[in-house]
């Protein structure tokens, strides 16, 4: 691959923002220099004073652009991949829903094939299996008919695909499933859709839970005499996902969470469904009808059912409602999920030797260019959020 360079960008690193540097890359990040040899042959990209950032990694997304990870069409994941790269995502985990076992297995097979194809959009890094190992009383938008107790046999043939499993640990008698999964450290167990007590949650974390699925949502809440799952997550040092759409969580919580958990333990996610990036209307999620307005996705009874959030807006929302530095927040959407998945030596930040997963965005967080492993997969022709996108 020809060596490439980005000039006139504000390069976002882990602890600072660099101005006046040239970013060199091919498939990997090669370096950041003051100047290059004018005789050296390079492919140039002018950032025009905009931010140059590591690409976002969304570890919990069900769909976007009219497609869903549970769709039976084999190319659904590829469509999601191309759509979300327009919002700055360079790697993601398509999330399954609580449906019949055959449907879940079909979805995991489709995700596996998408990983093997290594398409032109955001990289499919594996699957997030959300359900069916959840508690009926905290099912959220999941279909109670298909909820199961944690069962290793259901996932045994898909351990090459699954990277995160959301489960209610109180449903796992004697923590048998959690103990079985210790033989597969590449799979992260995440507490979510759980009715556990504080004590039950703390014990599960001690045994092997490493993350929390959409903190505060679909779990026992915090009370000063009954801290619940939320209290256990805040007390522990596990990672926690948050849906920063200002609806699932009051934006005032962002700062509190940053102080209690620390910005290195927060992971921004979208939990988006097929209506993300589309018009308001009626859609489906996990086989259930949902209504989408310009802010939220809900079941007929008003229950929140995923979101229409995009990663660039999650970053923007968190920045506008906290005193955190931009670089800290960017890494909640890039480096922190990479750390959880154990791929921080390859992805998640702009550093020499890592994959050239790079995005360029403006002051309004509109993504202008998305680069995946050195290849441009999206470029906006004009800095206009309403302009039709150019897919390369």
Protein backbone atom coordinates (compact mmCIF):
# COMPACT_ATOMS: atom_id res chain seq x y z
CA UNK A 1 0.00 0.00 0.00
CA UNK A 2 1.22 3.49 -0.85
CA UNK A 3 2.22 5.57 2.15
CA UNK A 4 -0.38 8.22 2.99
CA UNK A 5 -0.43 11.44 4.96
CA UNK A 6 -2.97 13.70 6.66
CA UNK A 7 -2.06 17.37 7.01
CA UNK A 8 -3.66 20.39 8.71
CA UNK A 9 -5.43 18.26 11.29
CA UNK A 10 -5.87 18.52 15.05
CA UNK A 11 -4.73 15.02 16.03
CA UNK A 12 -6.46 13.61 19.10
CA UNK A 13 -4.16 11.47 21.23
CA UNK A 14 -4.87 9.86 24.58
CA UNK A 15 -3.81 12.85 26.68
CA UNK A 16 -3.48 15.74 24.27
CA UNK A 17 -4.43 17.25 20.94
CA UNK A 18 -1.54 17.81 18.53
CA UNK A 19 -1.50 20.70 16.09
CA UNK A 20 0.90 21.25 13.23
CA UNK A 21 1.86 17.60 12.72
CA UNK A 22 1.59 15.36 9.67
CA UNK A 23 0.07 11.94 10.34
CA UNK A 24 1.69 9.17 8.27
CA UNK A 25 0.03 5.81 7.68
CA UNK A 26 -0.54 2.86 5.39
CA UNK A 27 -2.50 -0.06 6.86
CA UNK A 28 -0.93 0.99 10.17
CA UNK A 29 -0.09 4.28 11.86
CA UNK A 30 3.49 5.09 10.87
CA UNK A 31 4.13 8.25 12.82
CA UNK A 32 3.46 11.93 13.43
CA UNK A 33 6.09 14.29 12.09
CA UNK A 34 6.70 18.02 11.67
CA UNK A 35 7.41 17.73 7.96
CA UNK A 36 8.10 15.17 5.25
CA UNK A 37 10.63 14.95 2.48
CA UNK A 38 9.07 16.83 -0.48
CA UNK A 39 10.53 14.20 -2.79
CA UNK A 40 8.71 11.37 -1.01
CA UNK A 41 5.68 10.08 -2.91
CA UNK A 42 2.61 10.27 -0.68
CA UNK A 43 -1.16 10.26 -0.98
CA UNK A 44 -2.26 13.43 0.78
CA UNK A 45 -5.47 14.12 2.69
CA UNK A 46 -6.10 17.68 3.90
CA UNK A 47 -8.01 17.81 7.19
CA UNK A 48 -8.54 21.56 6.77
CA UNK A 49 -8.21 22.33 10.46
CA UNK A 50 -10.67 19.66 11.58
CA UNK A 51 -10.14 16.98 14.20
CA UNK A 52 -8.26 13.78 13.34
CA UNK A 53 -9.37 11.07 15.72
CA UNK A 54 -9.21 7.33 16.30
CA UNK A 55 -12.26 5.65 14.81
CA UNK A 56 -15.13 4.78 17.12
CA UNK A 57 -15.77 1.21 18.27
CA UNK A 58 -19.44 0.51 19.03
CA UNK A 59 -19.64 -2.69 21.06
CA UNK A 60 -23.44 -2.67 21.28
CA UNK A 61 -25.49 -1.90 18.17
CA UNK A 62 -28.45 -3.83 16.80
CA UNK A 63 -28.82 -2.10 13.47
CA UNK A 64 -28.95 1.06 11.37
CA UNK A 65 -30.11 2.30 8.00
CA UNK A 66 -33.03 -0.13 7.79
CA UNK A 67 -31.06 -3.27 8.66
CA UNK A 68 -30.76 -5.34 11.84
CA UNK A 69 -28.31 -7.96 13.06
CA UNK A 70 -31.21 -10.39 13.44
CA UNK A 71 -32.27 -10.04 9.80
CA UNK A 72 -32.00 -13.35 8.00
CA UNK A 73 -30.48 -11.77 4.88
CA UNK A 74 -26.78 -12.54 4.83
CA UNK A 75 -25.79 -9.05 3.69
CA UNK A 76 -27.64 -7.17 6.47
CA UNK A 77 -24.48 -6.84 8.56
CA UNK A 78 -22.60 -5.44 5.57
CA UNK A 79 -25.26 -2.76 5.11
CA UNK A 80 -25.02 -1.81 8.78
CA UNK A 81 -21.23 -1.67 8.44
CA UNK A 82 -21.37 0.74 5.52
CA UNK A 83 -24.01 2.92 7.16
CA UNK A 84 -22.32 3.43 10.51
CA UNK A 85 -18.92 4.21 9.03
CA UNK A 86 -20.58 7.46 7.90
CA UNK A 87 -20.94 8.31 11.60
CA UNK A 88 -17.31 7.54 12.45
CA UNK A 89 -17.50 3.88 13.43
CA UNK A 90 -14.51 1.82 12.26
CA UNK A 91 -15.23 -1.32 14.29
CA UNK A 92 -18.35 -2.77 15.92
CA UNK A 93 -20.10 -5.70 17.52
CA UNK A 94 -23.53 -6.40 15.98
CA UNK A 95 -25.88 -7.28 18.84
CA UNK A 96 -28.38 -10.13 18.81
CA UNK A 97 -31.76 -10.13 20.54
CA UNK A 98 -33.77 -12.59 22.61
CA UNK A 99 -35.46 -14.69 19.93
CA UNK A 100 -35.71 -18.39 19.07
CA UNK A 101 -32.41 -20.25 19.32
CA UNK A 102 -32.45 -20.94 15.60
CA UNK A 103 -32.72 -17.21 14.84
CA UNK A 104 -29.85 -16.39 17.20
CA UNK A 105 -27.64 -19.04 15.61
CA UNK A 106 -28.50 -17.79 12.13
CA UNK A 107 -27.54 -14.26 13.18
CA UNK A 108 -24.23 -15.45 14.62
CA UNK A 109 -23.50 -17.36 11.41
CA UNK A 110 -24.18 -14.22 9.37
CA UNK A 111 -21.89 -12.22 11.63
CA UNK A 112 -19.18 -14.85 11.22
CA UNK A 113 -19.42 -14.63 7.44
CA UNK A 114 -19.26 -10.84 7.58
CA UNK A 115 -16.09 -11.06 9.65
CA UNK A 116 -14.57 -13.39 7.06
CA UNK A 117 -15.53 -11.10 4.16
CA UNK A 118 -13.78 -8.15 5.78
CA UNK A 119 -15.89 -5.70 3.79
CA UNK A 120 -15.39 -2.06 2.88
CA UNK A 121 -17.12 -0.42 5.83
CA UNK A 122 -16.59 -0.62 9.58
CA UNK A 123 -14.91 -3.87 10.63
CA UNK A 124 -17.08 -6.50 12.28
CA UNK A 125 -15.09 -7.39 15.40
CA UNK A 126 -17.42 -10.12 16.64
CA UNK A 127 -20.89 -10.32 18.15
CA UNK A 128 -22.53 -8.96 21.27
CA UNK A 129 -25.02 -11.57 22.42
CA UNK A 130 -27.69 -9.63 24.32
CA UNK A 131 -30.11 -12.23 25.54
CA UNK A 132 -31.58 -14.75 25.91
CA UNK A 133 -29.82 -15.18 29.29
CA UNK A 134 -31.70 -12.35 31.00
CA UNK A 135 -34.27 -11.89 33.78
CA UNK A 136 -37.94 -11.69 32.72
CA UNK A 137 -38.65 -8.80 35.09
CA UNK A 138 -35.88 -6.74 33.44
CA UNK A 139 -36.50 -7.82 29.88
CA UNK A 140 -36.89 -4.30 28.46
CA UNK A 141 -37.70 -4.70 24.75
CA UNK A 142 -36.78 -8.40 24.68
CA UNK A 143 -39.44 -11.04 24.10
CA UNK A 144 -40.07 -12.92 27.34
CA UNK A 145 -41.20 -16.02 25.43
CA UNK A 146 -37.61 -16.79 24.42
CA UNK A 147 -35.75 -15.99 27.65
CA UNK A 148 -33.52 -18.86 28.83
CA UNK A 149 -31.26 -19.64 31.76
CA UNK A 150 -27.55 -19.34 30.86
CA UNK A 151 -26.69 -22.40 28.77
CA UNK A 152 -23.18 -23.11 27.52
CA UNK A 153 -24.41 -25.56 24.88
CA UNK A 154 -26.28 -22.75 23.10
CA UNK A 155 -23.07 -20.81 22.43
CA UNK A 156 -20.40 -23.53 22.26
CA UNK A 157 -20.17 -23.55 18.45
CA UNK A 158 -19.93 -19.76 18.19
CA UNK A 159 -17.09 -18.90 20.55
CA UNK A 160 -15.02 -17.74 17.56
CA UNK A 161 -17.66 -15.05 16.93
CA UNK A 162 -19.04 -13.97 20.31
CA UNK A 163 -17.07 -11.26 22.11
CA UNK A 164 -19.61 -10.03 24.68
CA UNK A 165 -22.48 -11.84 26.38
CA UNK A 166 -25.05 -9.89 28.38
CA UNK A 167 -26.54 -11.98 31.16
CA UNK A 168 -28.45 -11.77 34.42
CA UNK A 169 -26.08 -13.63 36.78
CA UNK A 170 -28.83 -14.37 39.31
CA UNK A 171 -30.27 -16.69 36.63
CA UNK A 172 -27.01 -18.66 36.56
CA UNK A 173 -27.38 -21.21 39.35
CA UNK A 174 -24.14 -21.65 41.26
CA UNK A 175 -22.45 -19.43 38.64
CA UNK A 176 -21.98 -22.56 36.56
CA UNK A 177 -22.05 -20.68 33.25
CA UNK A 178 -19.69 -17.96 34.45
CA UNK A 179 -17.21 -20.61 35.59
CA UNK A 180 -17.48 -22.44 32.26
CA UNK A 181 -16.71 -19.22 30.40
CA UNK A 182 -13.42 -18.74 32.25
CA UNK A 183 -11.93 -21.14 29.70
CA UNK A 184 -12.76 -18.54 27.02
CA UNK A 185 -11.25 -15.23 28.20
CA UNK A 186 -11.81 -13.64 24.78
CA UNK A 187 -15.53 -13.52 25.66
CA UNK A 188 -16.53 -10.71 28.02
CA UNK A 189 -19.41 -11.40 30.41
CA UNK A 190 -21.50 -8.30 31.00
CA UNK A 191 -24.19 -7.88 33.65
CA UNK A 192 -27.42 -6.55 32.22
CA UNK A 193 -31.19 -7.01 32.09
CA UNK A 194 -30.67 -8.18 35.65
CA UNK A 195 -32.88 -8.27 38.75
CA UNK A 196 -29.96 -9.12 41.03
CA UNK A 197 -29.50 -7.71 44.50
CA UNK A 198 -26.39 -5.70 45.33
CA UNK A 199 -24.88 -8.76 47.02
CA UNK A 200 -25.66 -11.07 44.09
CA UNK A 201 -24.16 -8.61 41.63
CA UNK A 202 -21.00 -8.10 43.69
CA UNK A 203 -20.49 -11.86 43.94
CA UNK A 204 -20.95 -12.26 40.17
CA UNK A 205 -18.39 -9.53 39.54
CA UNK A 206 -15.99 -11.29 41.88
CA UNK A 207 -16.53 -14.57 39.98
CA UNK A 208 -16.10 -13.24 36.46
CA UNK A 209 -18.34 -10.38 35.27
CA UNK A 210 -16.16 -7.75 33.56
CA UNK A 211 -18.60 -5.19 32.23
CA UNK A 212 -22.09 -3.75 32.55
CA UNK A 213 -24.60 -3.47 29.72
CA UNK A 214 -26.22 -0.01 29.30
CA UNK A 215 -25.73 1.06 32.91
CA UNK A 216 -28.91 2.16 34.75
CA UNK A 217 -31.21 0.68 32.10
CA UNK A 218 -32.92 -2.70 32.64
CA UNK A 219 -31.35 -3.44 36.03
CA UNK A 220 -32.11 -2.96 39.73
CA UNK A 221 -31.53 0.69 40.53
CA UNK A 222 -29.63 2.45 43.28
CA UNK A 223 -31.25 3.07 46.65
CA UNK A 224 -29.38 4.06 49.79
CA UNK A 225 -30.65 0.96 51.63
CA UNK A 226 -30.67 -1.31 48.59
CA UNK A 227 -27.83 -0.39 46.18
CA UNK A 228 -28.87 -2.99 43.60
CA UNK A 229 -26.97 -3.82 40.42
CA UNK A 230 -26.23 -0.13 39.82
CA UNK A 231 -24.58 0.14 43.24
CA UNK A 232 -22.41 -2.92 42.57
CA UNK A 233 -21.28 -1.51 39.21
CA UNK A 234 -20.40 1.85 40.77
CA UNK A 235 -18.53 0.20 43.63
CA UNK A 236 -16.49 -2.11 41.38
CA UNK A 237 -13.89 -1.31 38.74
CA UNK A 238 -15.64 -3.10 35.85
CA UNK A 239 -16.32 -1.26 32.59
CA UNK A 240 -19.79 0.13 31.99
CA UNK A 241 -21.63 0.93 28.77
CA UNK A 242 -23.79 4.04 28.65
CA UNK A 243 -26.26 5.23 26.04
CA UNK A 244 -25.52 8.96 26.00
CA UNK A 245 -28.61 10.08 24.08
CA UNK A 246 -29.88 12.28 26.96
CA UNK A 247 -32.96 10.03 27.13
CA UNK A 248 -31.82 6.69 28.51
CA UNK A 249 -29.81 8.60 31.13
CA UNK A 250 -30.30 12.16 32.37
CA UNK A 251 -27.31 14.15 31.07
CA UNK A 252 -26.56 15.33 34.61
CA UNK A 253 -25.52 11.75 35.39
CA UNK A 254 -22.60 11.88 32.93
CA UNK A 255 -20.43 14.03 35.20
CA UNK A 256 -21.33 12.02 38.29
CA UNK A 257 -20.46 8.81 36.51
CA UNK A 258 -17.14 10.26 35.32
CA UNK A 259 -16.19 11.12 38.89
CA UNK A 260 -17.32 7.81 40.40
CA UNK A 261 -16.16 5.36 37.73
CA UNK A 262 -13.40 7.38 36.10
CA UNK A 263 -13.31 8.16 32.40
CA UNK A 264 -11.18 5.08 31.73
CA UNK A 265 -14.05 2.77 32.69
CA UNK A 266 -16.87 4.34 30.68
CA UNK A 267 -17.74 2.99 27.22
CA UNK A 268 -20.04 4.98 24.97
CA UNK A 269 -22.42 2.83 22.92
CA UNK A 270 -25.47 3.49 20.76
CA UNK A 271 -27.68 0.40 21.32
CA UNK A 272 -29.09 1.62 17.99
CA UNK A 273 -31.69 -0.30 16.01
CA UNK A 274 -32.61 -0.35 12.32
CA UNK A 275 -34.30 3.07 12.39
CA UNK A 276 -31.02 4.87 13.17
CA UNK A 277 -30.31 7.36 10.36
CA UNK A 278 -33.87 6.93 8.99
CA UNK A 279 -37.18 8.78 9.27
CA UNK A 280 -39.61 8.54 12.16
CA UNK A 281 -42.18 5.78 11.89
CA UNK A 282 -43.01 2.20 12.83
CA UNK A 283 -40.29 -0.46 12.74
CA UNK A 284 -39.49 -3.76 14.42
CA UNK A 285 -36.90 -4.86 16.96
CA UNK A 286 -36.46 -8.47 17.99
CA UNK A 287 -39.76 -9.38 16.37
CA UNK A 288 -41.69 -6.67 18.23
CA UNK A 289 -43.22 -3.50 16.78
CA UNK A 290 -41.62 -0.26 17.92
CA UNK A 291 -42.51 3.38 17.34
CA UNK A 292 -39.76 5.86 16.47
CA UNK A 293 -40.00 9.62 16.88
CA UNK A 294 -37.18 12.15 16.47
CA UNK A 295 -35.71 11.26 19.87
CA UNK A 296 -36.48 7.73 21.00
CA UNK A 297 -37.62 4.20 20.16
CA UNK A 298 -40.42 2.70 22.26
CA UNK A 299 -42.69 -0.32 22.46
CA UNK A 300 -46.44 0.30 22.45
CA UNK A 301 -46.42 0.40 26.28
CA UNK A 302 -43.77 3.16 26.29
CA UNK A 303 -40.79 0.95 27.14
CA UNK A 304 -37.55 2.24 25.61
CA UNK A 305 -36.41 -0.18 22.89
CA UNK A 306 -32.87 0.56 21.84
CA UNK A 307 -32.07 3.95 20.36
CA UNK A 308 -31.50 5.94 17.19
CA UNK A 309 -28.27 7.39 18.58
CA UNK A 310 -25.07 7.54 16.52
CA UNK A 311 -21.58 7.44 18.00
CA UNK A 312 -20.58 10.93 16.90
CA UNK A 313 -23.63 12.35 18.69
CA UNK A 314 -22.93 10.26 21.80
CA UNK A 315 -19.50 11.92 22.00
CA UNK A 316 -21.04 15.35 21.41
CA UNK A 317 -23.71 14.84 24.09
CA UNK A 318 -21.15 13.75 26.67
CA UNK A 319 -18.89 16.71 25.89
CA UNK A 320 -21.72 19.24 26.12
CA UNK A 321 -22.83 17.97 29.53
CA UNK A 322 -19.52 17.46 31.35
CA UNK A 323 -16.20 19.14 32.03
CA UNK A 324 -14.27 16.22 30.54
CA UNK A 325 -11.61 16.89 27.94
CA UNK A 326 -12.43 15.98 24.35
CA UNK A 327 -9.57 13.48 24.24
CA UNK A 328 -10.98 11.67 27.30
CA UNK A 329 -14.42 11.41 25.73
CA UNK A 330 -13.09 10.28 22.35
CA UNK A 331 -11.35 7.41 24.08
CA UNK A 332 -14.59 6.39 25.82
CA UNK A 333 -15.73 5.64 22.26
CA UNK A 334 -12.50 4.09 21.00
CA UNK A 335 -9.72 3.04 23.39
CA UNK A 336 -11.94 1.91 26.27
CA UNK A 337 -13.98 -0.54 24.16
CA UNK A 338 -10.74 -1.77 22.60
CA UNK A 339 -9.37 -2.46 26.09
CA UNK A 340 -12.49 -4.36 27.08
CA UNK A 341 -12.18 -6.53 23.97
CA UNK A 342 -8.44 -7.05 24.51
CA UNK A 343 -7.46 -5.44 21.20
CA UNK A 344 -5.98 -2.19 22.50
CA UNK A 345 -2.60 -3.14 21.03
CA UNK A 346 -4.22 -3.04 17.56
CA UNK A 347 -7.04 -0.49 17.72
CA UNK A 348 -8.57 2.31 19.76
CA UNK A 349 -6.05 5.14 19.56
CA UNK A 350 -3.71 6.90 17.19
CA UNK A 351 -0.35 5.37 18.00
CA UNK A 352 2.53 4.01 15.93
CA UNK A 353 1.97 0.39 14.92
CA UNK A 354 -1.78 0.34 15.47
CA UNK A 355 -4.33 -0.12 12.69
CA UNK A 356 -4.97 3.05 10.70
CA UNK A 357 -8.58 3.38 11.85
CA UNK A 358 -8.97 7.14 11.58
CA UNK A 359 -11.81 9.62 11.30
CA UNK A 360 -11.92 13.33 10.55
CA UNK A 361 -14.77 15.38 12.04
CA UNK A 362 -15.56 19.07 12.39
CA UNK A 363 -16.45 21.23 15.40
CA UNK A 364 -20.09 20.13 15.11
CA UNK A 365 -19.04 16.45 15.21
CA UNK A 366 -20.09 15.86 11.62
CA UNK A 367 -17.91 13.06 10.29
CA UNK A 368 -16.16 14.12 7.09
CA UNK A 369 -13.90 11.12 6.40
CA UNK A 370 -13.67 7.58 7.74
CA UNK A 371 -10.58 5.44 7.16
CA UNK A 372 -10.55 1.74 8.07
CA UNK A 373 -7.18 0.00 8.16
CA UNK A 374 -5.76 2.62 5.81
CA UNK A 375 -8.58 2.60 3.27
CA UNK A 376 -11.08 5.46 2.91
CA UNK A 377 -14.55 3.93 3.22
CA UNK A 378 -16.47 7.18 3.49
CA UNK A 379 -15.92 10.81 2.51
CA UNK A 380 -18.38 13.65 2.77
CA UNK A 381 -18.02 15.89 -0.27
CA UNK A 382 -19.24 18.98 1.60
CA UNK A 383 -19.19 19.90 5.26
CA UNK A 384 -22.96 19.78 5.42
CA UNK A 385 -24.79 17.34 7.69
CA UNK A 386 -27.67 17.16 5.23
CA UNK A 387 -25.53 16.55 2.17
CA UNK A 388 -25.75 13.18 0.46
CA UNK A 389 -22.78 11.02 1.43
CA UNK A 390 -20.22 9.63 -0.97
CA UNK A 391 -19.36 5.98 -0.41
CA UNK A 392 -16.01 4.88 -1.78
